[in-house]
Amino acid sequence: MPLIKVHTSVAKPEASQVDNLLKTLSSKLSKHVGKPESFVMTAFQPEIPMTFSGTTDPVCYIEIKNVGRMNPDQIQAMSNDFCQEVETHLGVPANRTYIEFAEAKGAMWGWNRSTLG
């Protein structure tokens, strides 16, 4: 159960651009954490009033959650990869993007009327 959720202050792009971004993030997250893409969830929330470094210039906050452990090398690679994707697709510079990585226990995540633990 990997999840990647993008919160950004930028205006909502065309639907096809959003679809392309979410599909790209889904595929890449699957590869980074070594789990089937059939379990990956993506979400995109544009036009959120946000500040960073005292300005309202374009900014992005990304949440990445995974049932199970992520090692430092995986996290570094994901930070690089997802900052690049956000910059390419949304125009938000890497130095205005924060990413939160969170590991979850399977028993703390529900799915299909049960839990993953």
PDB file of N, CA and C in Angstrom:
ATOM      1  N   MET A   1       0.813  -1.179   0.000  1.00  0.00           N
ATOM      2  CA  MET A   1       0.000   0.000   0.000  1.00  0.00           C
ATOM      3  C   MET A   1       0.861   1.249   0.000  1.00  0.00           C
ATOM      4  N   PRO A   2       1.471   1.550  -1.064  1.00  0.00           N
ATOM      5  CA  PRO A   2       2.136   2.847  -1.148  1.00  0.00           C
ATOM      6  C   PRO A   2       1.126   3.925  -1.564  1.00  0.00           C
ATOM      7  N   LEU A   3       1.303   5.116  -1.016  1.00  0.00           N
ATOM      8  CA  LEU A   3       0.481   6.271  -1.346  1.00  0.00           C
ATOM      9  C   LEU A   3       1.389   7.447  -1.614  1.00  0.00           C
ATOM     10  N   ILE A   4       1.085   8.197  -2.665  1.00  0.00           N
ATOM     11  CA  ILE A   4       1.758   9.475  -2.899  1.00  0.00           C
ATOM     12  C   ILE A   4       0.677  10.513  -3.119  1.00  0.00           C
ATOM     13  N   LYS A   5       0.746  11.578  -2.322  1.00  0.00           N
ATOM     14  CA  LYS A   5      -0.259  12.636  -2.361  1.00  0.00           C
ATOM     15  C   LYS A   5       0.458  13.968  -2.556  1.00  0.00           C
ATOM     16  N   VAL A   6       0.068  14.679  -3.594  1.00  0.00           N
ATOM     17  CA  VAL A   6       0.710  15.947  -3.945  1.00  0.00           C
ATOM     18  C   VAL A   6      -0.240  17.099  -3.609  1.00  0.00           C
ATOM     19  N   HIS A   7       0.223  17.998  -2.747  1.00  0.00           N
ATOM     20  CA  HIS A   7      -0.511  19.222  -2.410  1.00  0.00           C
ATOM     21  C   HIS A   7       0.299  20.370  -3.012  1.00  0.00           C
ATOM     22  N   THR A   8      -0.367  21.261  -3.743  1.00  0.00           N
ATOM     23  CA  THR A   8       0.380  22.348  -4.358  1.00  0.00           C
ATOM     24  C   THR A   8      -0.452  23.617  -4.457  1.00  0.00           C
ATOM     25  N   SER A   9       0.238  24.721  -4.538  1.00  0.00           N
ATOM     26  CA  SER A   9      -0.428  26.010  -4.686  1.00  0.00           C
ATOM     27  C   SER A   9      -0.697  26.351  -6.147  1.00  0.00           C
ATOM     28  N   VAL A  10      -0.129  25.613  -7.065  1.00  0.00           N
ATOM     29  CA  VAL A  10      -0.289  25.951  -8.485  1.00  0.00           C
ATOM     30  C   VAL A  10      -1.708  25.653  -8.964  1.00  0.00           C
ATOM     31  N   ALA A  11      -2.096  26.354 -10.015  1.00  0.00           N
ATOM     32  CA  ALA A  11      -3.413  26.150 -10.610  1.00  0.00           C
ATOM     33  C   ALA A  11      -3.515  24.741 -11.187  1.00  0.00           C
ATOM     34  N   LYS A  12      -4.727  24.223 -11.208  1.00  0.00           N
ATOM     35  CA  LYS A  12      -4.944  22.867 -11.723  1.00  0.00           C
ATOM     36  C   LYS A  12      -4.636  22.824 -13.218  1.00  0.00           C
ATOM     37  N   PRO A  13      -3.715  21.946 -13.608  1.00  0.00           N
ATOM     38  CA  PRO A  13      -3.408  21.782 -15.033  1.00  0.00           C
ATOM     39  C   PRO A  13      -4.582  21.104 -15.755  1.00  0.00           C
ATOM     40  N   GLU A  14      -4.467  21.005 -17.067  1.00  0.00           N
ATOM     41  CA  GLU A  14      -5.460  20.281 -17.865  1.00  0.00           C
ATOM     42  C   GLU A  14      -5.581  18.851 -17.337  1.00  0.00           C
ATOM     43  N   ALA A  15      -6.768  18.265 -17.502  1.00  0.00           N
ATOM     44  CA  ALA A  15      -7.030  16.916 -16.990  1.00  0.00           C
ATOM     45  C   ALA A  15      -6.019  15.905 -17.508  1.00  0.00           C
ATOM     46  N   SER A  16      -5.635  16.013 -18.770  1.00  0.00           N
ATOM     47  CA  SER A  16      -4.678  15.050 -19.328  1.00  0.00           C
ATOM     48  C   SER A  16      -3.304  15.185 -18.668  1.00  0.00           C
ATOM     49  N   GLN A  17      -2.923  16.395 -18.296  1.00  0.00           N
ATOM     50  CA  GLN A  17      -1.651  16.606 -17.609  1.00  0.00           C
ATOM     51  C   GLN A  17      -1.690  16.012 -16.195  1.00  0.00           C
ATOM     52  N   VAL A  18      -2.818  16.171 -15.526  1.00  0.00           N
ATOM     53  CA  VAL A  18      -2.968  15.596 -14.188  1.00  0.00           C
ATOM     54  C   VAL A  18      -2.905  14.081 -14.279  1.00  0.00           C
ATOM     55  N   ASP A  19      -3.637  13.496 -15.249  1.00  0.00           N
ATOM     56  CA  ASP A  19      -3.604  12.044 -15.436  1.00  0.00           C
ATOM     57  C   ASP A  19      -2.182  11.557 -15.689  1.00  0.00           C
ATOM     58  N   ASN A  20      -1.459  12.267 -16.543  1.00  0.00           N
ATOM     59  CA  ASN A  20      -0.086  11.882 -16.866  1.00  0.00           C
ATOM     60  C   ASN A  20       0.805  11.947 -15.627  1.00  0.00           C
ATOM     61  N   LEU A  21       0.665  13.010 -14.845  1.00  0.00           N
ATOM     62  CA  LEU A  21       1.455  13.146 -13.622  1.00  0.00           C
ATOM     63  C   LEU A  21       1.155  12.001 -12.662  1.00  0.00           C
ATOM     64  N   LEU A  22      -0.127  11.735 -12.411  1.00  0.00           N
ATOM     65  CA  LEU A  22      -0.493  10.695 -11.451  1.00  0.00           C
ATOM     66  C   LEU A  22      -0.047   9.307 -11.908  1.00  0.00           C
ATOM     67  N   LYS A  23      -0.167   9.024 -13.183  1.00  0.00           N
ATOM     68  CA  LYS A  23       0.275   7.726 -13.697  1.00  0.00           C
ATOM     69  C   LYS A  23       1.793   7.581 -13.600  1.00  0.00           C
ATOM     70  N   THR A  24       2.509   8.662 -13.868  1.00  0.00           N
ATOM     71  CA  THR A  24       3.966   8.643 -13.746  1.00  0.00           C
ATOM     72  C   THR A  24       4.377   8.418 -12.297  1.00  0.00           C
ATOM     73  N   LEU A  25       3.744   9.152 -11.364  1.00  0.00           N
ATOM     74  CA  LEU A  25       4.059   8.992  -9.948  1.00  0.00           C
ATOM     75  C   LEU A  25       3.742   7.582  -9.465  1.00  0.00           C
ATOM     76  N   SER A  26       2.618   7.032  -9.921  1.00  0.00           N
ATOM     77  CA  SER A  26       2.224   5.681  -9.532  1.00  0.00           C
ATOM     78  C   SER A  26       3.257   4.650  -9.957  1.00  0.00           C
ATOM     79  N   SER A  27       3.649   4.725 -11.201  1.00  0.00           N
ATOM     80  CA  SER A  27       4.629   3.781 -11.738  1.00  0.00           C
ATOM     81  C   SER A  27       5.967   3.887 -11.011  1.00  0.00           C
ATOM     82  N   LYS A  28       6.414   5.118 -10.808  1.00  0.00           N
ATOM     83  CA  LYS A  28       7.707   5.317 -10.160  1.00  0.00           C
ATOM     84  C   LYS A  28       7.686   4.893  -8.693  1.00  0.00           C
ATOM     85  N   LEU A  29       6.593   5.197  -7.981  1.00  0.00           N
ATOM     86  CA  LEU A  29       6.519   4.796  -6.580  1.00  0.00           C
ATOM     87  C   LEU A  29       6.531   3.275  -6.465  1.00  0.00           C
ATOM     88  N   SER A  30       5.813   2.603  -7.341  1.00  0.00           N
ATOM     89  CA  SER A  30       5.806   1.139  -7.360  1.00  0.00           C
ATOM     90  C   SER A  30       7.221   0.584  -7.488  1.00  0.00           C
ATOM     91  N   LYS A  31       7.974   1.144  -8.405  1.00  0.00           N
ATOM     92  CA  LYS A  31       9.347   0.674  -8.627  1.00  0.00           C
ATOM     93  C   LYS A  31      10.253   0.992  -7.443  1.00  0.00           C
ATOM     94  N   HIS A  32      10.109   2.186  -6.891  1.00  0.00           N
ATOM     95  CA  HIS A  32      10.974   2.587  -5.770  1.00  0.00           C
ATOM     96  C   HIS A  32      10.786   1.702  -4.544  1.00  0.00           C
ATOM     97  N   VAL A  33       9.533   1.353  -4.239  1.00  0.00           N
ATOM     98  CA  VAL A  33       9.285   0.571  -3.015  1.00  0.00           C
ATOM     99  C   VAL A  33       9.174  -0.922  -3.294  1.00  0.00           C
ATOM    100  N   GLY A  34       9.220  -1.315  -4.572  1.00  0.00           N
ATOM    101  CA  GLY A  34       9.211  -2.734  -4.929  1.00  0.00           C
ATOM    102  C   GLY A  34       7.882  -3.422  -4.670  1.00  0.00           C
ATOM    103  N   LYS A  35       6.790  -2.694  -4.880  1.00  0.00           N
ATOM    104  CA  LYS A  35       5.464  -3.274  -4.683  1.00  0.00           C
ATOM    105  C   LYS A  35       4.661  -3.150  -5.972  1.00  0.00           C
ATOM    106  N   PRO A  36       3.696  -4.050  -6.184  1.00  0.00           N
ATOM    107  CA  PRO A  36       2.898  -3.996  -7.412  1.00  0.00           C
ATOM    108  C   PRO A  36       2.146  -2.669  -7.533  1.00  0.00           C
ATOM    109  N   GLU A  37       2.099  -2.155  -8.733  1.00  0.00           N
ATOM    110  CA  GLU A  37       1.392  -0.897  -8.957  1.00  0.00           C
ATOM    111  C   GLU A  37      -0.100  -1.031  -8.648  1.00  0.00           C
ATOM    112  N   SER A  38      -0.619  -2.244  -8.677  1.00  0.00           N
ATOM    113  CA  SER A  38      -2.036  -2.463  -8.367  1.00  0.00           C
ATOM    114  C   SER A  38      -2.390  -2.054  -6.935  1.00  0.00           C
ATOM    115  N   PHE A  39      -1.383  -1.843  -6.074  1.00  0.00           N
ATOM    116  CA  PHE A  39      -1.627  -1.408  -4.700  1.00  0.00           C
ATOM    117  C   PHE A  39      -1.294   0.066  -4.476  1.00  0.00           C
ATOM    118  N   VAL A  40      -0.786   0.760  -5.486  1.00  0.00           N
ATOM    119  CA  VAL A  40      -0.372   2.158  -5.337  1.00  0.00           C
ATOM    120  C   VAL A  40      -1.573   3.086  -5.502  1.00  0.00           C
ATOM    121  N   MET A  41      -1.669   4.067  -4.627  1.00  0.00           N
ATOM    122  CA  MET A  41      -2.694   5.107  -4.729  1.00  0.00           C
ATOM    123  C   MET A  41      -2.002   6.456  -4.908  1.00  0.00           C
ATOM    124  N   THR A  42      -2.574   7.297  -5.763  1.00  0.00           N
ATOM    125  CA  THR A  42      -2.060   8.647  -5.964  1.00  0.00           C
ATOM    126  C   THR A  42      -3.189   9.644  -5.727  1.00  0.00           C
ATOM    127  N   ALA A  43      -2.828  10.855  -5.329  1.00  0.00           N
ATOM    128  CA  ALA A  43      -3.807  11.921  -5.147  1.00  0.00           C
ATOM    129  C   ALA A  43      -3.143  13.248  -5.483  1.00  0.00           C
ATOM    130  N   PHE A  44      -3.946  14.176  -5.997  1.00  0.00           N
ATOM    131  CA  PHE A  44      -3.433  15.484  -6.413  1.00  0.00           C
ATOM    132  C   PHE A  44      -4.398  16.562  -5.945  1.00  0.00           C
ATOM    133  N   GLN A  45      -3.895  17.522  -5.172  1.00  0.00           N
ATOM    134  CA  GLN A  45      -4.695  18.631  -4.687  1.00  0.00           C
ATOM    135  C   GLN A  45      -4.046  19.946  -5.097  1.00  0.00           C
ATOM    136  N   PRO A  46      -4.552  20.583  -6.162  1.00  0.00           N
ATOM    137  CA  PRO A  46      -4.006  21.858  -6.606  1.00  0.00           C
ATOM    138  C   PRO A  46      -4.704  23.047  -5.937  1.00  0.00           C
ATOM    139  N   GLU A  47      -4.176  24.205  -6.185  1.00  0.00           N
ATOM    140  CA  GLU A  47      -4.776  25.485  -5.797  1.00  0.00           C
ATOM    141  C   GLU A  47      -5.021  25.605  -4.294  1.00  0.00           C
ATOM    142  N   ILE A  48      -4.104  25.059  -3.501  1.00  0.00           N
ATOM    143  CA  ILE A  48      -4.199  25.188  -2.043  1.00  0.00           C
ATOM    144  C   ILE A  48      -3.438  26.458  -1.644  1.00  0.00           C
ATOM    145  N   PRO A  49      -4.059  27.337  -0.883  1.00  0.00           N
ATOM    146  CA  PRO A  49      -3.314  28.503  -0.403  1.00  0.00           C
ATOM    147  C   PRO A  49      -2.152  28.029   0.476  1.00  0.00           C
ATOM    148  N   MET A  50      -0.942  28.356   0.073  1.00  0.00           N
ATOM    149  CA  MET A  50       0.248  27.894   0.779  1.00  0.00           C
ATOM    150  C   MET A  50       1.321  28.982   0.740  1.00  0.00           C
ATOM    151  N   THR A  51       2.190  28.954   1.735  1.00  0.00           N
ATOM    152  CA  THR A  51       3.392  29.784   1.710  1.00  0.00           C
ATOM    153  C   THR A  51       4.592  28.889   1.986  1.00  0.00           C
ATOM    154  N   PHE A  52       5.728  29.351   1.558  1.00  0.00           N
ATOM    155  CA  PHE A  52       6.998  28.705   1.877  1.00  0.00           C
ATOM    156  C   PHE A  52       8.048  29.791   1.867  1.00  0.00           C
ATOM    157  N   SER A  53       8.865  29.839   2.882  1.00  0.00           N
ATOM    158  CA  SER A  53       9.909  30.840   2.992  1.00  0.00           C
ATOM    159  C   SER A  53       9.327  32.257   2.952  1.00  0.00           C
ATOM    160  N   GLY A  54       8.111  32.390   3.486  1.00  0.00           N
ATOM    161  CA  GLY A  54       7.484  33.702   3.582  1.00  0.00           C
ATOM    162  C   GLY A  54       6.881  34.245   2.307  1.00  0.00           C
ATOM    163  N   THR A  55       6.798  33.404   1.245  1.00  0.00           N
ATOM    164  CA  THR A  55       6.207  33.878  -0.002  1.00  0.00           C
ATOM    165  C   THR A  55       5.121  32.931  -0.488  1.00  0.00           C
ATOM    166  N   THR A  56       4.305  33.413  -1.399  1.00  0.00           N
ATOM    167  CA  THR A  56       3.265  32.594  -2.020  1.00  0.00           C
ATOM    168  C   THR A  56       3.679  32.124  -3.409  1.00  0.00           C
ATOM    169  N   ASP A  57       4.971  32.189  -3.714  1.00  0.00           N
ATOM    170  CA  ASP A  57       5.450  31.619  -4.981  1.00  0.00           C
ATOM    171  C   ASP A  57       5.066  30.148  -5.026  1.00  0.00           C
ATOM    172  N   PRO A  58       4.998  29.546  -6.224  1.00  0.00           N
ATOM    173  CA  PRO A  58       4.596  28.134  -6.323  1.00  0.00           C
ATOM    174  C   PRO A  58       5.358  27.243  -5.337  1.00  0.00           C
ATOM    175  N   VAL A  59       4.594  26.370  -4.677  1.00  0.00           N
ATOM    176  CA  VAL A  59       5.138  25.504  -3.640  1.00  0.00           C
ATOM    177  C   VAL A  59       4.436  24.149  -3.709  1.00  0.00           C
ATOM    178  N   CYS A  60       5.092  23.129  -3.179  1.00  0.00           N
ATOM    179  CA  CYS A  60       4.533  21.785  -3.211  1.00  0.00           C
ATOM    180  C   CYS A  60       4.907  21.036  -1.942  1.00  0.00           C
ATOM    181  N   TYR A  61       3.944  20.272  -1.437  1.00  0.00           N
ATOM    182  CA  TYR A  61       4.163  19.380  -0.299  1.00  0.00           C
ATOM    183  C   TYR A  61       3.700  18.001  -0.744  1.00  0.00           C
ATOM    184  N   ILE A  62       4.563  17.009  -0.609  1.00  0.00           N
ATOM    185  CA  ILE A  62       4.262  15.644  -1.051  1.00  0.00           C
ATOM    186  C   ILE A  62       4.303  14.719   0.161  1.00  0.00           C
ATOM    187  N   GLU A  63       3.290  13.871   0.264  1.00  0.00           N
ATOM    188  CA  GLU A  63       3.265  12.830   1.292  1.00  0.00           C
ATOM    189  C   GLU A  63       3.496  11.487   0.614  1.00  0.00           C
ATOM    190  N   ILE A  64       4.430  10.714   1.133  1.00  0.00           N
ATOM    191  CA  ILE A  64       4.654   9.357   0.655  1.00  0.00           C
ATOM    192  C   ILE A  64       4.537   8.432   1.859  1.00  0.00           C
ATOM    193  N   LYS A  65       3.576   7.512   1.777  1.00  0.00           N
ATOM    194  CA  LYS A  65       3.357   6.555   2.860  1.00  0.00           C
ATOM    195  C   LYS A  65       3.501   5.155   2.303  1.00  0.00           C
ATOM    196  N   ASN A  66       4.033   4.275   3.122  1.00  0.00           N
ATOM    197  CA  ASN A  66       4.273   2.907   2.692  1.00  0.00           C
ATOM    198  C   ASN A  66       4.124   1.960   3.878  1.00  0.00           C
ATOM    199  N   VAL A  67       3.417   0.861   3.658  1.00  0.00           N
ATOM    200  CA  VAL A  67       3.377  -0.185   4.668  1.00  0.00           C
ATOM    201  C   VAL A  67       4.701  -0.926   4.558  1.00  0.00           C
ATOM    202  N   GLY A  68       5.482  -0.871   5.611  1.00  0.00           N
ATOM    203  CA  GLY A  68       6.803  -1.475   5.596  1.00  0.00           C
ATOM    204  C   GLY A  68       7.892  -0.417   5.608  1.00  0.00           C
ATOM    205  N   ARG A  69       9.099  -0.890   5.637  1.00  0.00           N
ATOM    206  CA  ARG A  69      10.264  -0.016   5.778  1.00  0.00           C
ATOM    207  C   ARG A  69      10.744   0.534   4.450  1.00  0.00           C
ATOM    208  N   MET A  70      11.317   1.735   4.531  1.00  0.00           N
ATOM    209  CA  MET A  70      12.008   2.354   3.399  1.00  0.00           C
ATOM    210  C   MET A  70      13.415   2.678   3.895  1.00  0.00           C
ATOM    211  N   ASN A  71      14.412   2.304   3.119  1.00  0.00           N
ATOM    212  CA  ASN A  71      15.776   2.564   3.565  1.00  0.00           C
ATOM    213  C   ASN A  71      16.253   3.936   3.067  1.00  0.00           C
ATOM    214  N   PRO A  72      17.320   4.475   3.653  1.00  0.00           N
ATOM    215  CA  PRO A  72      17.808   5.803   3.286  1.00  0.00           C
ATOM    216  C   PRO A  72      18.115   5.964   1.788  1.00  0.00           C
ATOM    217  N   ASP A  73      18.640   4.917   1.158  1.00  0.00           N
ATOM    218  CA  ASP A  73      18.934   5.015  -0.276  1.00  0.00           C
ATOM    219  C   ASP A  73      17.652   5.154  -1.091  1.00  0.00           C
ATOM    220  N   GLN A  74      16.610   4.396  -0.729  1.00  0.00           N
ATOM    221  CA  GLN A  74      15.310   4.516  -1.398  1.00  0.00           C
ATOM    222  C   GLN A  74      14.744   5.925  -1.219  1.00  0.00           C
ATOM    223  N   ILE A  75      14.812   6.414  -0.010  1.00  0.00           N
ATOM    224  CA  ILE A  75      14.257   7.729   0.289  1.00  0.00           C
ATOM    225  C   ILE A  75      14.988   8.816  -0.488  1.00  0.00           C
ATOM    226  N   GLN A  76      16.301   8.744  -0.540  1.00  0.00           N
ATOM    227  CA  GLN A  76      17.080   9.723  -1.307  1.00  0.00           C
ATOM    228  C   GLN A  76      16.707   9.673  -2.781  1.00  0.00           C
ATOM    229  N   ALA A  77      16.603   8.474  -3.341  1.00  0.00           N
ATOM    230  CA  ALA A  77      16.241   8.323  -4.755  1.00  0.00           C
ATOM    231  C   ALA A  77      14.834   8.853  -5.022  1.00  0.00           C
ATOM    232  N   MET A  78      13.903   8.581  -4.112  1.00  0.00           N
ATOM    233  CA  MET A  78      12.541   9.082  -4.289  1.00  0.00           C
ATOM    234  C   MET A  78      12.493  10.600  -4.189  1.00  0.00           C
ATOM    235  N   SER A  79      13.230  11.175  -3.253  1.00  0.00           N
ATOM    236  CA  SER A  79      13.254  12.626  -3.119  1.00  0.00           C
ATOM    237  C   SER A  79      13.730  13.270  -4.416  1.00  0.00           C
ATOM    238  N   ASN A  80      14.791  12.751  -4.961  1.00  0.00           N
ATOM    239  CA  ASN A  80      15.317  13.274  -6.221  1.00  0.00           C
ATOM    240  C   ASN A  80      14.304  13.100  -7.356  1.00  0.00           C
ATOM    241  N   ASP A  81      13.785  11.910  -7.489  1.00  0.00           N
ATOM    242  CA  ASP A  81      12.882  11.581  -8.590  1.00  0.00           C
ATOM    243  C   ASP A  81      11.585  12.387  -8.524  1.00  0.00           C
ATOM    244  N   PHE A  82      10.948  12.444  -7.348  1.00  0.00           N
ATOM    245  CA  PHE A  82       9.661  13.115  -7.258  1.00  0.00           C
ATOM    246  C   PHE A  82       9.783  14.633  -7.300  1.00  0.00           C
ATOM    247  N   CYS A  83      10.874  15.188  -6.790  1.00  0.00           N
ATOM    248  CA  CYS A  83      11.108  16.624  -6.963  1.00  0.00           C
ATOM    249  C   CYS A  83      11.248  16.960  -8.451  1.00  0.00           C
ATOM    250  N   GLN A  84      11.955  16.113  -9.173  1.00  0.00           N
ATOM    251  CA  GLN A  84      12.124  16.323 -10.618  1.00  0.00           C
ATOM    252  C   GLN A  84      10.777  16.255 -11.337  1.00  0.00           C
ATOM    253  N   GLU A  85       9.944  15.286 -10.992  1.00  0.00           N
ATOM    254  CA  GLU A  85       8.635  15.152 -11.640  1.00  0.00           C
ATOM    255  C   GLU A  85       7.749  16.368 -11.374  1.00  0.00           C
ATOM    256  N   VAL A  86       7.738  16.840 -10.128  1.00  0.00           N
ATOM    257  CA  VAL A  86       6.927  18.004  -9.783  1.00  0.00           C
ATOM    258  C   VAL A  86       7.434  19.244 -10.521  1.00  0.00           C
ATOM    259  N   GLU A  87       8.743  19.374 -10.620  1.00  0.00           N
ATOM    260  CA  GLU A  87       9.298  20.517 -11.348  1.00  0.00           C
ATOM    261  C   GLU A  87       8.938  20.429 -12.830  1.00  0.00           C
ATOM    262  N   THR A  88       9.042  19.245 -13.411  1.00  0.00           N
ATOM    263  CA  THR A  88       8.729  19.056 -14.829  1.00  0.00           C
ATOM    264  C   THR A  88       7.252  19.271 -15.117  1.00  0.00           C
ATOM    265  N   HIS A  89       6.386  18.653 -14.322  1.00  0.00           N
ATOM    266  CA  HIS A  89       4.943  18.695 -14.606  1.00  0.00           C
ATOM    267  C   HIS A  89       4.241  19.950 -14.097  1.00  0.00           C
ATOM    268  N   LEU A  90       4.710  20.503 -12.977  1.00  0.00           N
ATOM    269  CA  LEU A  90       4.003  21.619 -12.354  1.00  0.00           C
ATOM    270  C   LEU A  90       4.795  22.913 -12.316  1.00  0.00           C
ATOM    271  N   GLY A  91       6.092  22.828 -12.584  1.00  0.00           N
ATOM    272  CA  GLY A  91       6.921  24.029 -12.559  1.00  0.00           C
ATOM    273  C   GLY A  91       7.323  24.482 -11.165  1.00  0.00           C
ATOM    274  N   VAL A  92       7.149  23.616 -10.171  1.00  0.00           N
ATOM    275  CA  VAL A  92       7.539  23.971  -8.804  1.00  0.00           C
ATOM    276  C   VAL A  92       8.994  23.546  -8.606  1.00  0.00           C
ATOM    277  N   PRO A  93       9.889  24.501  -8.312  1.00  0.00           N
ATOM    278  CA  PRO A  93      11.297  24.150  -8.134  1.00  0.00           C
ATOM    279  C   PRO A  93      11.514  23.202  -6.958  1.00  0.00           C
ATOM    280  N   ALA A  94      12.540  22.391  -7.061  1.00  0.00           N
ATOM    281  CA  ALA A  94      12.864  21.425  -6.007  1.00  0.00           C
ATOM    282  C   ALA A  94      13.111  22.108  -4.661  1.00  0.00           C
ATOM    283  N   ASN A  95      13.636  23.326  -4.690  1.00  0.00           N
ATOM    284  CA  ASN A  95      13.918  24.008  -3.423  1.00  0.00           C
ATOM    285  C   ASN A  95      12.667  24.638  -2.802  1.00  0.00           C
ATOM    286  N   ARG A  96      11.505  24.400  -3.434  1.00  0.00           N
ATOM    287  CA  ARG A  96      10.223  24.838  -2.869  1.00  0.00           C
ATOM    288  C   ARG A  96       9.283  23.645  -2.693  1.00  0.00           C
ATOM    289  N   THR A  97       9.882  22.465  -2.561  1.00  0.00           N
ATOM    290  CA  THR A  97       9.117  21.230  -2.382  1.00  0.00           C
ATOM    291  C   THR A  97       9.611  20.505  -1.140  1.00  0.00           C
ATOM    292  N   TYR A  98       8.677  20.197  -0.267  1.00  0.00           N
ATOM    293  CA  TYR A  98       8.961  19.332   0.882  1.00  0.00           C
ATOM    294  C   TYR A  98       8.302  17.980   0.628  1.00  0.00           C
ATOM    295  N   ILE A  99       8.976  16.929   1.060  1.00  0.00           N
ATOM    296  CA  ILE A  99       8.421  15.581   0.957  1.00  0.00           C
ATOM    297  C   ILE A  99       8.475  14.938   2.344  1.00  0.00           C
ATOM    298  N   GLU A 100       7.340  14.408   2.763  1.00  0.00           N
ATOM    299  CA  GLU A 100       7.273  13.675   4.028  1.00  0.00           C
ATOM    300  C   GLU A 100       7.171  12.188   3.714  1.00  0.00           C
ATOM    301  N   PHE A 101       8.084  11.412   4.235  1.00  0.00           N
ATOM    302  CA  PHE A 101       8.075   9.957   4.064  1.00  0.00           C
ATOM    303  C   PHE A 101       7.599   9.331   5.376  1.00  0.00           C
ATOM    304  N   ALA A 102       6.634   8.428   5.285  1.00  0.00           N
ATOM    305  CA  ALA A 102       6.104   7.794   6.491  1.00  0.00           C
ATOM    306  C   ALA A 102       5.958   6.297   6.267  1.00  0.00           C
ATOM    307  N   GLU A 103       6.410   5.541   7.258  1.00  0.00           N
ATOM    308  CA  GLU A 103       6.256   4.088   7.244  1.00  0.00           C
ATOM    309  C   GLU A 103       5.074   3.730   8.132  1.00  0.00           C
ATOM    310  N   ALA A 104       4.245   2.818   7.658  1.00  0.00           N
ATOM    311  CA  ALA A 104       3.066   2.410   8.419  1.00  0.00           C
ATOM    312  C   ALA A 104       3.118   0.915   8.701  1.00  0.00           C
ATOM    313  N   LYS A 105       2.580   0.521   9.839  1.00  0.00           N
ATOM    314  CA  LYS A 105       2.419  -0.897  10.125  1.00  0.00           C
ATOM    315  C   LYS A 105       1.172  -1.384   9.397  1.00  0.00           C
ATOM    316  N   GLY A 106       1.227  -2.571   8.870  1.00  0.00           N
ATOM    317  CA  GLY A 106       0.107  -3.117   8.117  1.00  0.00           C
ATOM    318  C   GLY A 106      -1.192  -3.146   8.898  1.00  0.00           C
ATOM    319  N   ALA A 107      -1.106  -3.418  10.179  1.00  0.00           N
ATOM    320  CA  ALA A 107      -2.306  -3.482  11.014  1.00  0.00           C
ATOM    321  C   ALA A 107      -2.954  -2.113  11.195  1.00  0.00           C
ATOM    322  N   MET A 108      -2.228  -1.054  10.860  1.00  0.00           N
ATOM    323  CA  MET A 108      -2.740   0.307  11.009  1.00  0.00           C
ATOM    324  C   MET A 108      -3.306   0.858   9.697  1.00  0.00           C
ATOM    325  N   TRP A 109      -3.425   0.011   8.683  1.00  0.00           N
ATOM    326  CA  TRP A 109      -3.922   0.451   7.375  1.00  0.00           C
ATOM    327  C   TRP A 109      -5.012  -0.498   6.920  1.00  0.00           C
ATOM    328  N   GLY A 110      -6.222   0.022   6.734  1.00  0.00           N
ATOM    329  CA  GLY A 110      -7.353  -0.809   6.313  1.00  0.00           C
ATOM    330  C   GLY A 110      -7.488  -0.868   4.802  1.00  0.00           C
ATOM    331  N   TRP A 111      -7.971  -2.011   4.344  1.00  0.00           N
ATOM    332  CA  TRP A 111      -8.224  -2.224   2.919  1.00  0.00           C
ATOM    333  C   TRP A 111      -9.141  -3.423   2.760  1.00  0.00           C
ATOM    334  N   ASN A 112     -10.100  -3.304   1.885  1.00  0.00           N
ATOM    335  CA  ASN A 112     -10.961  -4.431   1.503  1.00  0.00           C
ATOM    336  C   ASN A 112     -11.603  -5.095   2.725  1.00  0.00           C
ATOM    337  N   ARG A 113     -12.142  -4.268   3.635  1.00  0.00           N
ATOM    338  CA  ARG A 113     -12.837  -4.713   4.852  1.00  0.00           C
ATOM    339  C   ARG A 113     -11.929  -5.408   5.874  1.00  0.00           C
ATOM    340  N   SER A 114     -10.634  -5.225   5.735  1.00  0.00           N
ATOM    341  CA  SER A 114      -9.694  -5.830   6.660  1.00  0.00           C
ATOM    342  C   SER A 114      -8.538  -4.854   6.860  1.00  0.00           C
ATOM    343  N   THR A 115      -7.410  -5.371   7.284  1.00  0.00           N
ATOM    344  CA  THR A 115      -6.198  -4.558   7.360  1.00  0.00           C
ATOM    345  C   THR A 115      -5.091  -5.256   6.601  1.00  0.00           C
ATOM    346  N   LEU A 116      -3.999  -4.549   6.409  1.00  0.00           N
ATOM    347  CA  LEU A 116      -2.864  -5.122   5.691  1.00  0.00           C
ATOM    348  C   LEU A 116      -1.866  -5.792   6.628  1.00  0.00           C
ATOM    349  N   GLY A 117      -2.242  -5.965   7.892  1.00  0.00           N
ATOM    350  CA  GLY A 117      -1.308  -6.557   8.841  1.00  0.00           C
ATOM    351  C   GLY A 117      -1.781  -7.836   9.460  1.00  0.00           C
TER     352      GLY A 117
END
